[in-house]
Amino acid sequence: MNNSMHIKHNHPMRRRAFSVWSLAMAVIIGIGGVVGSAAVNAQSTAGNVFGIAPAGQTITAKSTTTGLSRHVQADAKGRYNIGALPVGVYTVTLEKDGTPVLQHNNVQLTVGRGIKVDFPCSQGQCTESAGNQ
């Protein structure tokens, strides 16, 4: 009889220890899920502008709603990519020596997509054609 009392006394302790461990694991998994979903949401609310332009020239994408502006230089092959832009409407401008040369207005970026915006290149300024991107 003493033996059965002893088992009954320890059984609730084991159950509590198991419950605490289960709760701790659930909290850790839940936190990981929240952090992981935040990263996915951040990626899915952006787009990018890419294309060709005269090599070495600056291309600027400016949001018409927020004023956010990002710029890059076209590489030696005339390619450029402005990534991680928030979804919205942009003006994409080709600049030479800081002066706007050509603009594409009302460029619409959608969730998780890129949009190709090419600028004309004089012979020899871009080493790739628009179709070989």
N, C-alpha and C. Protein backbone atom coordinates (compact mmCIF):
# COMPACT_ATOMS: atom_id res chain seq x y z
N MET A 1 0.81 -1.18 0.00
CA MET A 1 0.00 0.00 0.00
C MET A 1 0.86 1.25 0.00
N ASN A 2 1.92 1.21 0.76
CA ASN A 2 2.82 2.35 0.77
C ASN A 2 3.40 2.60 -0.61
N ASN A 3 3.68 1.52 -1.30
CA ASN A 3 4.23 1.62 -2.63
C ASN A 3 3.28 2.35 -3.58
N SER A 4 1.98 2.04 -3.53
CA SER A 4 1.02 2.69 -4.41
C SER A 4 0.84 4.16 -4.04
N MET A 5 0.97 4.51 -2.80
CA MET A 5 0.88 5.90 -2.38
C MET A 5 2.06 6.70 -2.95
N HIS A 6 3.19 6.04 -2.91
CA HIS A 6 4.38 6.69 -3.43
C HIS A 6 4.25 6.96 -4.94
N ILE A 7 3.71 6.05 -5.69
CA ILE A 7 3.52 6.21 -7.14
C ILE A 7 2.51 7.31 -7.41
N LYS A 8 1.43 7.32 -6.66
CA LYS A 8 0.43 8.37 -6.85
C LYS A 8 1.00 9.74 -6.54
N HIS A 9 1.88 9.83 -5.59
CA HIS A 9 2.47 11.11 -5.21
C HIS A 9 3.42 11.63 -6.29
N ASN A 10 4.22 10.77 -6.93
CA ASN A 10 5.16 11.19 -7.95
C ASN A 10 4.52 11.44 -9.31
N HIS A 11 3.43 10.78 -9.58
CA HIS A 11 2.79 10.90 -10.89
C HIS A 11 2.40 12.35 -11.23
N PRO A 12 1.79 13.13 -10.35
CA PRO A 12 1.48 14.53 -10.67
C PRO A 12 2.73 15.36 -10.93
N MET A 13 3.83 15.04 -10.28
CA MET A 13 5.07 15.78 -10.50
C MET A 13 5.58 15.54 -11.92
N ARG A 14 5.50 14.31 -12.37
CA ARG A 14 5.93 14.01 -13.74
C ARG A 14 5.03 14.71 -14.74
N ARG A 15 3.76 14.72 -14.46
CA ARG A 15 2.80 15.36 -15.37
C ARG A 15 3.09 16.86 -15.44
N ARG A 16 3.39 17.50 -14.30
CA ARG A 16 3.71 18.93 -14.30
C ARG A 16 5.00 19.20 -15.06
N ALA A 17 6.00 18.37 -14.86
CA ALA A 17 7.28 18.55 -15.56
C ALA A 17 7.08 18.43 -17.06
N PHE A 18 6.27 17.45 -17.47
CA PHE A 18 5.98 17.28 -18.89
C PHE A 18 5.23 18.49 -19.44
N SER A 19 4.28 19.03 -18.67
CA SER A 19 3.50 20.20 -19.10
C SER A 19 4.38 21.43 -19.26
N VAL A 20 5.27 21.66 -18.33
CA VAL A 20 6.18 22.81 -18.40
C VAL A 20 7.07 22.69 -19.63
N TRP A 21 7.62 21.50 -19.86
CA TRP A 21 8.48 21.28 -21.03
C TRP A 21 7.69 21.49 -22.32
N SER A 22 6.46 20.98 -22.37
CA SER A 22 5.61 21.13 -23.56
C SER A 22 5.30 22.60 -23.81
N LEU A 23 5.00 23.31 -22.76
CA LEU A 23 4.70 24.74 -22.89
C LEU A 23 5.92 25.51 -23.40
N ALA A 24 7.09 25.19 -22.86
CA ALA A 24 8.32 25.87 -23.31
C ALA A 24 8.57 25.62 -24.79
N MET A 25 8.40 24.39 -25.23
CA MET A 25 8.61 24.06 -26.65
C MET A 25 7.59 24.77 -27.54
N ALA A 26 6.34 24.84 -27.11
CA ALA A 26 5.31 25.52 -27.89
C ALA A 26 5.62 27.00 -28.04
N VAL A 27 6.12 27.62 -26.98
CA VAL A 27 6.49 29.04 -27.03
C VAL A 27 7.64 29.25 -28.01
N ILE A 28 8.66 28.40 -27.94
CA ILE A 28 9.81 28.53 -28.85
C ILE A 28 9.38 28.36 -30.30
N ILE A 29 8.56 27.35 -30.58
CA ILE A 29 8.09 27.12 -31.95
C ILE A 29 7.21 28.28 -32.42
N GLY A 30 6.37 28.79 -31.52
CA GLY A 30 5.51 29.92 -31.87
C GLY A 30 6.30 31.16 -32.22
N ILE A 31 7.34 31.46 -31.44
CA ILE A 31 8.18 32.63 -31.72
C ILE A 31 8.88 32.45 -33.06
N GLY A 32 9.39 31.27 -33.33
CA GLY A 32 10.05 31.02 -34.62
C GLY A 32 9.08 31.20 -35.77
N GLY A 33 7.83 30.78 -35.61
CA GLY A 33 6.84 30.95 -36.67
C GLY A 33 6.52 32.40 -36.94
N VAL A 34 6.41 33.20 -35.89
CA VAL A 34 6.12 34.63 -36.05
C VAL A 34 7.28 35.33 -36.75
N VAL A 35 8.50 35.06 -36.33
CA VAL A 35 9.67 35.69 -36.95
C VAL A 35 9.79 35.27 -38.41
N GLY A 36 9.57 34.01 -38.70
CA GLY A 36 9.66 33.52 -40.08
C GLY A 36 8.60 34.13 -40.97
N SER A 37 7.38 34.29 -40.47
CA SER A 37 6.32 34.86 -41.30
C SER A 37 6.55 36.35 -41.54
N ALA A 38 7.19 37.04 -40.59
CA ALA A 38 7.49 38.47 -40.79
C ALA A 38 8.48 38.63 -41.94
N ALA A 39 9.46 37.75 -42.04
CA ALA A 39 10.43 37.83 -43.13
C ALA A 39 9.76 37.57 -44.47
N VAL A 40 8.84 36.63 -44.52
CA VAL A 40 8.12 36.35 -45.76
C VAL A 40 7.29 37.54 -46.16
N ASN A 41 6.60 38.18 -45.21
CA ASN A 41 5.79 39.34 -45.53
C ASN A 41 6.65 40.49 -46.03
N ALA A 42 7.83 40.68 -45.46
CA ALA A 42 8.69 41.76 -45.91
C ALA A 42 9.11 41.55 -47.35
N GLN A 43 9.40 40.32 -47.73
CA GLN A 43 9.81 40.05 -49.09
C GLN A 43 8.65 40.21 -50.07
N SER A 44 7.46 39.87 -49.65
CA SER A 44 6.34 39.85 -50.58
C SER A 44 5.72 41.23 -50.80
N THR A 45 6.22 42.27 -50.15
CA THR A 45 5.67 43.60 -50.36
C THR A 45 6.63 44.49 -51.15
N ALA A 46 7.55 43.87 -51.86
CA ALA A 46 8.54 44.64 -52.63
C ALA A 46 8.62 44.13 -54.05
N GLY A 47 9.17 44.96 -54.91
CA GLY A 47 9.40 44.60 -56.30
C GLY A 47 10.73 45.19 -56.74
N ASN A 48 11.03 45.05 -58.04
CA ASN A 48 12.28 45.63 -58.53
C ASN A 48 12.11 46.15 -59.95
N VAL A 49 12.98 47.09 -60.30
CA VAL A 49 13.05 47.66 -61.64
C VAL A 49 14.39 47.23 -62.21
N PHE A 50 14.37 46.70 -63.44
CA PHE A 50 15.61 46.24 -64.07
C PHE A 50 15.54 46.55 -65.56
N GLY A 51 16.70 46.46 -66.22
CA GLY A 51 16.73 46.67 -67.66
C GLY A 51 18.13 46.98 -68.14
N ILE A 52 18.19 47.63 -69.31
CA ILE A 52 19.47 48.05 -69.85
C ILE A 52 19.49 49.57 -70.00
N ALA A 53 20.68 50.10 -69.97
CA ALA A 53 20.91 51.54 -70.10
C ALA A 53 22.37 51.71 -70.52
N PRO A 54 22.74 52.89 -70.98
CA PRO A 54 24.15 53.09 -71.32
C PRO A 54 25.06 52.75 -70.14
N ALA A 55 26.10 51.98 -70.39
CA ALA A 55 27.02 51.53 -69.34
C ALA A 55 27.57 52.71 -68.56
N GLY A 56 27.58 52.56 -67.22
CA GLY A 56 28.14 53.58 -66.35
C GLY A 56 27.19 54.72 -65.99
N GLN A 57 26.04 54.80 -66.64
CA GLN A 57 25.10 55.88 -66.34
C GLN A 57 24.25 55.53 -65.12
N THR A 58 23.70 56.54 -64.48
CA THR A 58 22.90 56.36 -63.27
C THR A 58 21.43 56.25 -63.62
N ILE A 59 20.75 55.30 -62.98
CA ILE A 59 19.31 55.13 -63.13
C ILE A 59 18.70 55.32 -61.75
N THR A 60 17.66 56.15 -61.67
CA THR A 60 17.00 56.45 -60.41
C THR A 60 15.54 56.05 -60.50
N ALA A 61 15.05 55.38 -59.46
CA ALA A 61 13.63 55.06 -59.32
C ALA A 61 13.10 55.87 -58.14
N LYS A 62 12.09 56.72 -58.40
CA LYS A 62 11.53 57.57 -57.35
C LYS A 62 10.03 57.31 -57.25
N SER A 63 9.57 56.99 -56.03
CA SER A 63 8.15 56.75 -55.80
C SER A 63 7.37 58.06 -55.94
N THR A 64 6.28 58.00 -56.69
CA THR A 64 5.46 59.21 -56.86
C THR A 64 4.57 59.45 -55.65
N THR A 65 4.42 58.44 -54.79
CA THR A 65 3.56 58.61 -53.61
C THR A 65 4.34 58.90 -52.34
N THR A 66 5.47 58.21 -52.13
CA THR A 66 6.22 58.40 -50.88
C THR A 66 7.45 59.27 -51.02
N GLY A 67 7.93 59.45 -52.25
CA GLY A 67 9.15 60.22 -52.47
C GLY A 67 10.42 59.41 -52.30
N LEU A 68 10.29 58.13 -51.92
CA LEU A 68 11.45 57.26 -51.78
C LEU A 68 12.22 57.23 -53.10
N SER A 69 13.54 57.36 -53.01
CA SER A 69 14.37 57.40 -54.21
C SER A 69 15.57 56.49 -54.03
N ARG A 70 15.81 55.63 -55.03
CA ARG A 70 17.00 54.77 -55.03
C ARG A 70 17.64 54.85 -56.40
N HIS A 71 18.97 54.76 -56.40
CA HIS A 71 19.66 54.83 -57.69
C HIS A 71 20.80 53.81 -57.75
N VAL A 72 21.11 53.42 -58.98
CA VAL A 72 22.21 52.49 -59.25
C VAL A 72 22.89 52.92 -60.55
N GLN A 73 24.06 52.36 -60.78
CA GLN A 73 24.76 52.58 -62.05
C GLN A 73 24.62 51.34 -62.91
N ALA A 74 24.43 51.55 -64.20
CA ALA A 74 24.43 50.43 -65.14
C ALA A 74 25.84 49.84 -65.17
N ASP A 75 25.92 48.51 -65.19
CA ASP A 75 27.24 47.86 -65.19
C ASP A 75 27.90 47.97 -66.57
N ALA A 76 29.05 47.35 -66.72
CA ALA A 76 29.83 47.43 -67.96
C ALA A 76 29.08 46.85 -69.16
N LYS A 77 28.10 45.95 -68.88
CA LYS A 77 27.30 45.37 -69.96
C LYS A 77 26.00 46.14 -70.19
N GLY A 78 25.82 47.22 -69.45
CA GLY A 78 24.62 48.04 -69.61
C GLY A 78 23.42 47.55 -68.82
N ARG A 79 23.63 46.62 -67.90
CA ARG A 79 22.52 46.09 -67.11
C ARG A 79 22.41 46.82 -65.78
N TYR A 80 21.17 46.95 -65.30
CA TYR A 80 20.97 47.52 -63.97
C TYR A 80 19.79 46.81 -63.30
N ASN A 81 19.77 46.88 -61.97
CA ASN A 81 18.68 46.31 -61.19
C ASN A 81 18.54 47.11 -59.90
N ILE A 82 17.37 47.67 -59.69
CA ILE A 82 17.08 48.38 -58.44
C ILE A 82 16.08 47.49 -57.69
N GLY A 83 16.56 46.83 -56.65
CA GLY A 83 15.73 45.86 -55.94
C GLY A 83 15.15 46.39 -54.65
N ALA A 84 14.27 45.57 -54.07
CA ALA A 84 13.64 45.84 -52.77
C ALA A 84 12.92 47.18 -52.71
N LEU A 85 12.21 47.52 -53.79
CA LEU A 85 11.42 48.74 -53.81
C LEU A 85 10.01 48.44 -53.31
N PRO A 86 9.48 49.25 -52.40
CA PRO A 86 8.10 49.04 -51.97
C PRO A 86 7.14 49.15 -53.16
N VAL A 87 6.06 48.39 -53.11
CA VAL A 87 5.06 48.40 -54.15
C VAL A 87 4.52 49.80 -54.32
N GLY A 88 4.29 50.23 -55.57
CA GLY A 88 3.75 51.55 -55.84
C GLY A 88 4.05 52.00 -57.25
N VAL A 89 3.88 53.28 -57.49
CA VAL A 89 4.11 53.89 -58.80
C VAL A 89 5.40 54.69 -58.74
N TYR A 90 6.25 54.51 -59.75
CA TYR A 90 7.57 55.13 -59.77
C TYR A 90 7.81 55.89 -61.07
N THR A 91 8.72 56.86 -60.97
CA THR A 91 9.30 57.50 -62.14
C THR A 91 10.73 56.98 -62.20
N VAL A 92 11.10 56.39 -63.34
CA VAL A 92 12.44 55.83 -63.51
C VAL A 92 13.19 56.74 -64.48
N THR A 93 14.33 57.26 -64.03
CA THR A 93 15.05 58.29 -64.77
C THR A 93 16.47 57.85 -65.09
N LEU A 94 16.89 58.09 -66.33
CA LEU A 94 18.28 57.91 -66.74
C LEU A 94 18.96 59.26 -66.56
N GLU A 95 20.10 59.24 -65.87
CA GLU A 95 20.84 60.48 -65.63
C GLU A 95 22.25 60.37 -66.20
N LYS A 96 22.73 61.47 -66.75
CA LYS A 96 24.11 61.55 -67.21
C LYS A 96 24.75 62.73 -66.52
N ASP A 97 25.80 62.46 -65.76
CA ASP A 97 26.51 63.49 -65.00
C ASP A 97 25.55 64.27 -64.09
N GLY A 98 24.57 63.57 -63.47
CA GLY A 98 23.64 64.19 -62.54
C GLY A 98 22.47 64.91 -63.17
N THR A 99 22.41 64.94 -64.50
CA THR A 99 21.33 65.62 -65.21
C THR A 99 20.37 64.59 -65.80
N PRO A 100 19.05 64.73 -65.54
CA PRO A 100 18.09 63.80 -66.14
C PRO A 100 18.14 63.85 -67.67
N VAL A 101 18.21 62.68 -68.29
CA VAL A 101 18.28 62.58 -69.75
C VAL A 101 16.95 62.06 -70.31
N LEU A 102 16.39 61.05 -69.65
CA LEU A 102 15.16 60.42 -70.14
C LEU A 102 14.40 59.85 -68.95
N GLN A 103 13.05 59.97 -68.98
CA GLN A 103 12.22 59.46 -67.90
C GLN A 103 11.16 58.51 -68.41
N HIS A 104 10.85 57.50 -67.59
CA HIS A 104 9.69 56.64 -67.80
C HIS A 104 8.77 56.92 -66.61
N ASN A 105 7.59 57.48 -66.88
CA ASN A 105 6.64 57.83 -65.82
C ASN A 105 5.63 56.71 -65.59
N ASN A 106 5.02 56.74 -64.43
CA ASN A 106 3.95 55.81 -64.06
C ASN A 106 4.34 54.35 -64.21
N VAL A 107 5.52 53.99 -63.73
CA VAL A 107 5.97 52.61 -63.73
C VAL A 107 5.38 51.94 -62.49
N GLN A 108 4.49 50.98 -62.71
CA GLN A 108 3.76 50.33 -61.62
C GLN A 108 4.48 49.07 -61.14
N LEU A 109 4.89 49.06 -59.86
CA LEU A 109 5.49 47.87 -59.26
C LEU A 109 4.42 47.11 -58.51
N THR A 110 4.37 45.79 -58.74
CA THR A 110 3.42 44.95 -58.04
C THR A 110 4.16 44.00 -57.10
N VAL A 111 3.42 43.39 -56.21
CA VAL A 111 3.98 42.53 -55.16
C VAL A 111 4.82 41.40 -55.76
N GLY A 112 6.07 41.30 -55.31
CA GLY A 112 6.94 40.20 -55.66
C GLY A 112 7.34 40.11 -57.12
N ARG A 113 7.15 41.16 -57.89
CA ARG A 113 7.44 41.13 -59.32
C ARG A 113 8.46 42.19 -59.69
N GLY A 114 9.10 41.99 -60.82
CA GLY A 114 10.00 42.98 -61.38
C GLY A 114 9.40 43.54 -62.65
N ILE A 115 9.79 44.73 -63.00
CA ILE A 115 9.33 45.33 -64.25
C ILE A 115 10.56 45.81 -65.03
N LYS A 116 10.57 45.49 -66.31
CA LYS A 116 11.70 45.84 -67.16
C LYS A 116 11.49 47.23 -67.75
N VAL A 117 12.48 48.09 -67.52
CA VAL A 117 12.47 49.45 -68.07
C VAL A 117 13.81 49.65 -68.76
N ASP A 118 13.80 49.65 -70.09
CA ASP A 118 15.02 49.84 -70.87
C ASP A 118 15.16 51.28 -71.33
N PHE A 119 16.40 51.71 -71.43
CA PHE A 119 16.72 53.02 -71.97
C PHE A 119 17.51 52.81 -73.25
N PRO A 120 17.29 53.64 -74.27
CA PRO A 120 18.01 53.45 -75.54
C PRO A 120 19.51 53.69 -75.37
N CYS A 121 20.26 52.91 -76.11
CA CYS A 121 21.71 53.02 -76.08
C CYS A 121 22.21 53.32 -77.48
N SER A 122 23.10 54.28 -77.58
CA SER A 122 23.77 54.52 -78.86
C SER A 122 24.67 53.33 -79.13
N GLN A 123 25.06 53.18 -80.36
CA GLN A 123 25.90 52.05 -80.72
C GLN A 123 27.15 52.00 -79.85
N GLY A 124 27.39 50.84 -79.23
CA GLY A 124 28.56 50.66 -78.39
C GLY A 124 28.37 51.05 -76.93
N GLN A 125 27.26 51.72 -76.58
CA GLN A 125 27.07 52.11 -75.19
C GLN A 125 26.54 50.94 -74.32
N CYS A 126 25.81 50.04 -74.92
CA CYS A 126 25.32 48.87 -74.22
C CYS A 126 25.83 47.65 -74.97
N THR A 127 26.43 46.73 -74.27
CA THR A 127 27.00 45.58 -74.96
C THR A 127 25.98 44.46 -75.15
N GLU A 128 24.80 44.54 -74.47
CA GLU A 128 23.74 43.56 -74.67
C GLU A 128 22.55 44.23 -75.30
N SER A 129 21.81 43.48 -76.09
CA SER A 129 20.58 44.02 -76.64
C SER A 129 19.47 43.76 -75.65
N ALA A 130 18.35 44.45 -75.78
CA ALA A 130 17.23 44.33 -74.86
C ALA A 130 16.70 42.91 -74.80
N GLY A 131 16.77 42.16 -75.87
CA GLY A 131 16.24 40.82 -75.90
C GLY A 131 17.14 39.80 -75.23
N ASN A 132 18.37 40.12 -74.92
CA ASN A 132 19.30 39.15 -74.33
C ASN A 132 19.48 39.33 -72.85
N GLN A 133 18.56 39.93 -72.17
CA GLN A 133 18.64 40.21 -70.74
C GLN A 133 18.65 38.95 -69.94
